[in-house]
Amino acid sequence: MSGAWEEQHLTSGMMESETDETYFDASFFVDESYVTKEFVLGPHTIKVMCLQASSTDFDLTGQLIWPGAELLNNYLVQNFHILQGLSVIELGSGVGLTGLLCAHYCHHVVMTDHNATVLKVMQRNVDSQTAVGGGGHIFQHHFLSYASACSLGGVPGAGVGQRGPFGTHL
């Protein structure tokens, strides 16, 4: 195989094995063409970067705002008293919309996801918030493998069989 052919196909996300079978590496499926969307949730307006639509089967579902998240967020706004002053851990936070909403009511918010690409956009969304809640809210984000309880060790207070310091798990 010539070096030029390999360079052309490797940069496009396509690779060829020694048996001449074409396959795609993970970078071929990654779409980071985020748009900023504004969500009005009760008295709060939250802007997050997310994808408009899912375009791949690669496990990047956290790059979207799903209808279920919008339903949960509306419920939380209507019942905000259940969150007041609590520490909350959100499992599968995606781009972070629900965690950002919780910060308006909670003392401490920990957001998790299992995908490094999703964690990057989540962090960008957290960093872009200029006025979240009444101040003093602590955001953390962590990698969490949902297939392994061992990965909970990286999330403070979230060990297996422990409720930890969290008043609510979302």
C-alpha atoms as a PDB file:
ATOM      1  CA  MET A   1       0.000   0.000   0.000  1.00  0.00           C
ATOM      2  CA  SER A   2       1.310   3.409  -0.827  1.00  0.00           C
ATOM      3  CA  GLY A   3       1.841   6.024   1.875  1.00  0.00           C
ATOM      4  CA  ALA A   4      -0.299   8.564  -0.027  1.00  0.00           C
ATOM      5  CA  TRP A   5      -3.294   6.192  -0.128  1.00  0.00           C
ATOM      6  CA  GLU A   6      -2.980   5.444   3.591  1.00  0.00           C
ATOM      7  CA  GLU A   7      -2.639   9.124   4.469  1.00  0.00           C
ATOM      8  CA  GLN A   8      -5.716  10.047   2.406  1.00  0.00           C
ATOM      9  CA  HIS A   9      -7.897   7.343   3.937  1.00  0.00           C
ATOM     10  CA  LEU A  10      -6.622   7.661   7.502  1.00  0.00           C
ATOM     11  CA  THR A  11      -7.421  11.373   7.552  1.00  0.00           C
ATOM     12  CA  SER A  12     -10.981  10.685   6.348  1.00  0.00           C
ATOM     13  CA  GLY A  13     -11.627   8.276   9.231  1.00  0.00           C
ATOM     14  CA  MET A  14     -11.377   5.172   7.047  1.00  0.00           C
ATOM     15  CA  MET A  15      -8.744   2.556   7.691  1.00  0.00           C
ATOM     16  CA  GLU A  16      -7.876  -0.628   5.891  1.00  0.00           C
ATOM     17  CA  SER A  17      -6.630  -3.720   7.644  1.00  0.00           C
ATOM     18  CA  GLU A  18      -4.061  -6.137   6.287  1.00  0.00           C
ATOM     19  CA  THR A  19      -6.916  -8.186   4.806  1.00  0.00           C
ATOM     20  CA  ASP A  20      -8.080  -5.138   2.795  1.00  0.00           C
ATOM     21  CA  GLU A  21     -11.322  -4.844   4.775  1.00  0.00           C
ATOM     22  CA  THR A  22     -12.391  -1.243   5.156  1.00  0.00           C
ATOM     23  CA  TYR A  23     -13.529  -0.133   8.595  1.00  0.00           C
ATOM     24  CA  PHE A  24     -14.091   3.162  10.310  1.00  0.00           C
ATOM     25  CA  ASP A  25     -12.430   4.386  13.463  1.00  0.00           C
ATOM     26  CA  ALA A  26     -14.467   6.209  16.114  1.00  0.00           C
ATOM     27  CA  SER A  27     -13.464   9.684  14.873  1.00  0.00           C
ATOM     28  CA  PHE A  28     -15.470   9.084  11.703  1.00  0.00           C
ATOM     29  CA  PHE A  29     -18.681   9.105  13.753  1.00  0.00           C
ATOM     30  CA  VAL A  30     -17.974  12.095  15.973  1.00  0.00           C
ATOM     31  CA  ASP A  31     -19.978  15.213  15.173  1.00  0.00           C
ATOM     32  CA  GLU A  32     -19.073  18.299  17.172  1.00  0.00           C
ATOM     33  CA  SER A  33     -20.978  20.869  15.105  1.00  0.00           C
ATOM     34  CA  TYR A  34     -22.821  22.200  18.134  1.00  0.00           C
ATOM     35  CA  VAL A  35     -25.399  24.960  18.073  1.00  0.00           C
ATOM     36  CA  THR A  36     -26.411  27.067  21.039  1.00  0.00           C
ATOM     37  CA  LYS A  37     -30.002  26.439  22.083  1.00  0.00           C
ATOM     38  CA  GLU A  38     -31.882  28.461  24.640  1.00  0.00           C
ATOM     39  CA  PHE A  39     -34.271  26.759  27.061  1.00  0.00           C
ATOM     40  CA  VAL A  40     -36.768  28.710  29.150  1.00  0.00           C
ATOM     41  CA  LEU A  41     -37.542  26.618  32.204  1.00  0.00           C
ATOM     42  CA  GLY A  42     -39.878  28.482  34.533  1.00  0.00           C
ATOM     43  CA  PRO A  43     -38.085  31.680  35.525  1.00  0.00           C
ATOM     44  CA  HIS A  44     -34.720  30.399  34.239  1.00  0.00           C
ATOM     45  CA  THR A  45     -33.186  30.756  30.798  1.00  0.00           C
ATOM     46  CA  ILE A  46     -30.345  28.342  30.158  1.00  0.00           C
ATOM     47  CA  LYS A  47     -28.234  28.268  27.006  1.00  0.00           C
ATOM     48  CA  VAL A  48     -26.392  25.088  26.096  1.00  0.00           C
ATOM     49  CA  MET A  49     -24.382  23.866  23.138  1.00  0.00           C
ATOM     50  CA  CYS A  50     -25.801  20.669  21.680  1.00  0.00           C
ATOM     51  CA  LEU A  51     -26.421  18.903  18.398  1.00  0.00           C
ATOM     52  CA  GLN A  52     -29.625  19.498  16.471  1.00  0.00           C
ATOM     53  CA  ALA A  53     -30.063  15.797  15.682  1.00  0.00           C
ATOM     54  CA  SER A  54     -28.300  12.491  16.121  1.00  0.00           C
ATOM     55  CA  SER A  55     -26.479  11.524  12.982  1.00  0.00           C
ATOM     56  CA  THR A  56     -24.690   8.320  13.945  1.00  0.00           C
ATOM     57  CA  ASP A  57     -25.034   5.048  15.756  1.00  0.00           C
ATOM     58  CA  PHE A  58     -21.838   5.737  17.700  1.00  0.00           C
ATOM     59  CA  ASP A  59     -22.634   6.186  21.390  1.00  0.00           C
ATOM     60  CA  LEU A  60     -22.878   9.972  21.544  1.00  0.00           C
ATOM     61  CA  THR A  61     -26.538  10.239  22.512  1.00  0.00           C
ATOM     62  CA  GLY A  62     -25.559  12.690  25.246  1.00  0.00           C
ATOM     63  CA  GLN A  63     -24.877  15.399  22.667  1.00  0.00           C
ATOM     64  CA  LEU A  64     -28.635  15.935  22.255  1.00  0.00           C
ATOM     65  CA  ILE A  65     -31.379  17.304  24.461  1.00  0.00           C
ATOM     66  CA  TRP A  66     -33.927  14.512  24.581  1.00  0.00           C
ATOM     67  CA  PRO A  67     -37.696  15.053  25.066  1.00  0.00           C
ATOM     68  CA  GLY A  68     -37.479  13.145  28.362  1.00  0.00           C
ATOM     69  CA  ALA A  69     -35.006  15.719  29.687  1.00  0.00           C
ATOM     70  CA  GLU A  70     -37.390  18.524  28.835  1.00  0.00           C
ATOM     71  CA  LEU A  71     -40.200  16.726  30.688  1.00  0.00           C
ATOM     72  CA  LEU A  72     -37.967  16.140  33.721  1.00  0.00           C
ATOM     73  CA  ASN A  73     -36.828  19.773  33.723  1.00  0.00           C
ATOM     74  CA  ASN A  74     -40.425  21.044  33.604  1.00  0.00           C
ATOM     75  CA  TYR A  75     -41.289  18.750  36.520  1.00  0.00           C
ATOM     76  CA  LEU A  76     -38.303  20.012  38.514  1.00  0.00           C
ATOM     77  CA  VAL A  77     -39.260  23.658  37.918  1.00  0.00           C
ATOM     78  CA  GLN A  78     -42.828  22.972  39.073  1.00  0.00           C
ATOM     79  CA  ASN A  79     -41.568  21.079  42.142  1.00  0.00           C
ATOM     80  CA  PHE A  80     -38.375  23.016  42.869  1.00  0.00           C
ATOM     81  CA  HIS A  81     -38.892  22.658  46.625  1.00  0.00           C
ATOM     82  CA  ILE A  82     -37.777  19.007  46.430  1.00  0.00           C
ATOM     83  CA  LEU A  83     -34.309  20.187  45.355  1.00  0.00           C
ATOM     84  CA  GLN A  84     -33.751  23.181  47.580  1.00  0.00           C
ATOM     85  CA  GLY A  85     -30.450  22.998  49.432  1.00  0.00           C
ATOM     86  CA  LEU A  86     -29.679  19.407  48.381  1.00  0.00           C
ATOM     87  CA  SER A  87     -26.624  17.911  46.786  1.00  0.00           C
ATOM     88  CA  VAL A  88     -27.577  16.150  43.551  1.00  0.00           C
ATOM     89  CA  ILE A  89     -25.801  13.661  41.312  1.00  0.00           C
ATOM     90  CA  GLU A  90     -27.087  13.326  37.772  1.00  0.00           C
ATOM     91  CA  LEU A  91     -26.285  10.076  35.978  1.00  0.00           C
ATOM     92  CA  GLY A  92     -25.963  10.495  32.226  1.00  0.00           C
ATOM     93  CA  SER A  93     -25.983  14.282  32.179  1.00  0.00           C
ATOM     94  CA  GLY A  94     -25.214  14.645  28.498  1.00  0.00           C
ATOM     95  CA  VAL A  95     -24.649  18.310  27.656  1.00  0.00           C
ATOM     96  CA  GLY A  96     -25.698  19.253  31.191  1.00  0.00           C
ATOM     97  CA  LEU A  97     -29.046  21.026  30.853  1.00  0.00           C
ATOM     98  CA  THR A  98     -30.695  19.313  33.839  1.00  0.00           C
ATOM     99  CA  GLY A  99     -27.632  19.771  36.042  1.00  0.00           C
ATOM    100  CA  LEU A 100     -27.491  23.457  35.143  1.00  0.00           C
ATOM    101  CA  LEU A 101     -31.153  23.815  36.070  1.00  0.00           C
ATOM    102  CA  CYS A 102     -30.587  21.984  39.362  1.00  0.00           C
ATOM    103  CA  ALA A 103     -27.847  24.466  40.236  1.00  0.00           C
ATOM    104  CA  HIS A 104     -30.521  27.136  40.606  1.00  0.00           C
ATOM    105  CA  TYR A 105     -31.995  25.181  43.524  1.00  0.00           C
ATOM    106  CA  CYS A 106     -29.298  22.844  44.832  1.00  0.00           C
ATOM    107  CA  HIS A 107     -26.264  23.387  46.999  1.00  0.00           C
ATOM    108  CA  HIS A 108     -23.975  21.030  45.052  1.00  0.00           C
ATOM    109  CA  VAL A 109     -24.378  19.454  41.611  1.00  0.00           C
ATOM    110  CA  VAL A 110     -22.320  16.548  40.249  1.00  0.00           C
ATOM    111  CA  MET A 111     -22.911  15.671  36.606  1.00  0.00           C
ATOM    112  CA  THR A 112     -21.664  12.427  35.056  1.00  0.00           C
ATOM    113  CA  ASP A 113     -21.403  10.831  31.655  1.00  0.00           C
ATOM    114  CA  HIS A 114     -19.520   7.894  30.172  1.00  0.00           C
ATOM    115  CA  ASN A 115     -18.245   9.515  26.988  1.00  0.00           C
ATOM    116  CA  ALA A 116     -15.223  11.836  26.781  1.00  0.00           C
ATOM    117  CA  THR A 117     -16.663  13.796  23.830  1.00  0.00           C
ATOM    118  CA  VAL A 118     -19.866  14.443  25.758  1.00  0.00           C
ATOM    119  CA  LEU A 119     -17.906  15.419  28.884  1.00  0.00           C
ATOM    120  CA  LYS A 120     -16.044  18.047  26.834  1.00  0.00           C
ATOM    121  CA  VAL A 121     -19.231  19.776  25.654  1.00  0.00           C
ATOM    122  CA  MET A 122     -20.735  19.449  29.139  1.00  0.00           C
ATOM    123  CA  GLN A 123     -17.729  21.260  30.601  1.00  0.00           C
ATOM    124  CA  ARG A 124     -18.002  23.978  27.954  1.00  0.00           C
ATOM    125  CA  ASN A 125     -21.654  24.463  28.903  1.00  0.00           C
ATOM    126  CA  VAL A 126     -20.831  24.670  32.604  1.00  0.00           C
ATOM    127  CA  ASP A 127     -18.012  27.134  31.901  1.00  0.00           C
ATOM    128  CA  SER A 128     -20.279  29.338  29.782  1.00  0.00           C
ATOM    129  CA  GLN A 129     -22.789  29.925  32.573  1.00  0.00           C
ATOM    130  CA  THR A 130     -22.302  33.396  33.995  1.00  0.00           C
ATOM    131  CA  ALA A 131     -25.009  33.554  36.622  1.00  0.00           C
ATOM    132  CA  VAL A 132     -26.211  30.226  37.931  1.00  0.00           C
ATOM    133  CA  GLY A 133     -28.424  30.207  40.995  1.00  0.00           C
ATOM    134  CA  GLY A 134     -27.760  32.366  43.989  1.00  0.00           C
ATOM    135  CA  GLY A 135     -24.025  31.697  44.020  1.00  0.00           C
ATOM    136  CA  GLY A 136     -21.873  29.237  45.886  1.00  0.00           C
ATOM    137  CA  HIS A 137     -22.986  26.260  43.796  1.00  0.00           C
ATOM    138  CA  ILE A 138     -20.296  23.717  43.128  1.00  0.00           C
ATOM    139  CA  PHE A 139     -20.226  21.951  39.789  1.00  0.00           C
ATOM    140  CA  GLN A 140     -18.245  18.807  39.219  1.00  0.00           C
ATOM    141  CA  HIS A 141     -18.247  16.514  36.244  1.00  0.00           C
ATOM    142  CA  HIS A 142     -16.965  12.967  36.198  1.00  0.00           C
ATOM    143  CA  PHE A 143     -16.507  10.044  33.856  1.00  0.00           C
ATOM    144  CA  LEU A 144     -18.812   7.230  34.925  1.00  0.00           C
ATOM    145  CA  SER A 145     -18.942   3.831  33.251  1.00  0.00           C
ATOM    146  CA  TYR A 146     -22.457   2.515  33.652  1.00  0.00           C
ATOM    147  CA  ALA A 147     -21.238  -1.009  32.985  1.00  0.00           C
ATOM    148  CA  SER A 148     -18.981  -1.065  36.011  1.00  0.00           C
ATOM    149  CA  ALA A 149     -19.844  -0.198  39.586  1.00  0.00           C
ATOM    150  CA  CYS A 150     -16.093   0.180  40.144  1.00  0.00           C
ATOM    151  CA  SER A 151     -16.110   3.485  38.265  1.00  0.00           C
ATOM    152  CA  LEU A 152     -18.246   4.986  41.043  1.00  0.00           C
ATOM    153  CA  GLY A 153     -15.037   5.211  43.047  1.00  0.00           C
ATOM    154  CA  GLY A 154     -14.109   8.275  41.005  1.00  0.00           C
ATOM    155  CA  VAL A 155     -17.251  10.136  42.100  1.00  0.00           C
ATOM    156  CA  PRO A 156     -16.946  11.425  45.664  1.00  0.00           C
ATOM    157  CA  GLY A 157     -19.538   9.903  47.991  1.00  0.00           C
ATOM    158  CA  ALA A 158     -21.160   7.740  45.339  1.00  0.00           C
ATOM    159  CA  GLY A 159     -19.806   4.321  46.279  1.00  0.00           C
ATOM    160  CA  VAL A 160     -21.787   1.153  45.639  1.00  0.00           C
ATOM    161  CA  GLY A 161     -24.596   0.764  48.135  1.00  0.00           C
ATOM    162  CA  GLN A 162     -24.084   4.271  49.489  1.00  0.00           C
ATOM    163  CA  ARG A 163     -26.456   7.136  49.180  1.00  0.00           C
ATOM    164  CA  GLY A 164     -23.443   9.313  49.884  1.00  0.00           C
ATOM    165  CA  PRO A 165     -23.852  13.009  50.409  1.00  0.00           C
ATOM    166  CA  PHE A 166     -26.481  13.242  47.688  1.00  0.00           C
ATOM    167  CA  GLY A 167     -30.053  14.084  48.594  1.00  0.00           C
ATOM    168  CA  THR A 168     -31.286  13.192  45.115  1.00  0.00           C
ATOM    169  CA  HIS A 169     -30.093  11.029  42.265  1.00  0.00           C
ATOM    170  CA  LEU A 170     -31.356  11.999  38.799  1.00  0.00           C
END
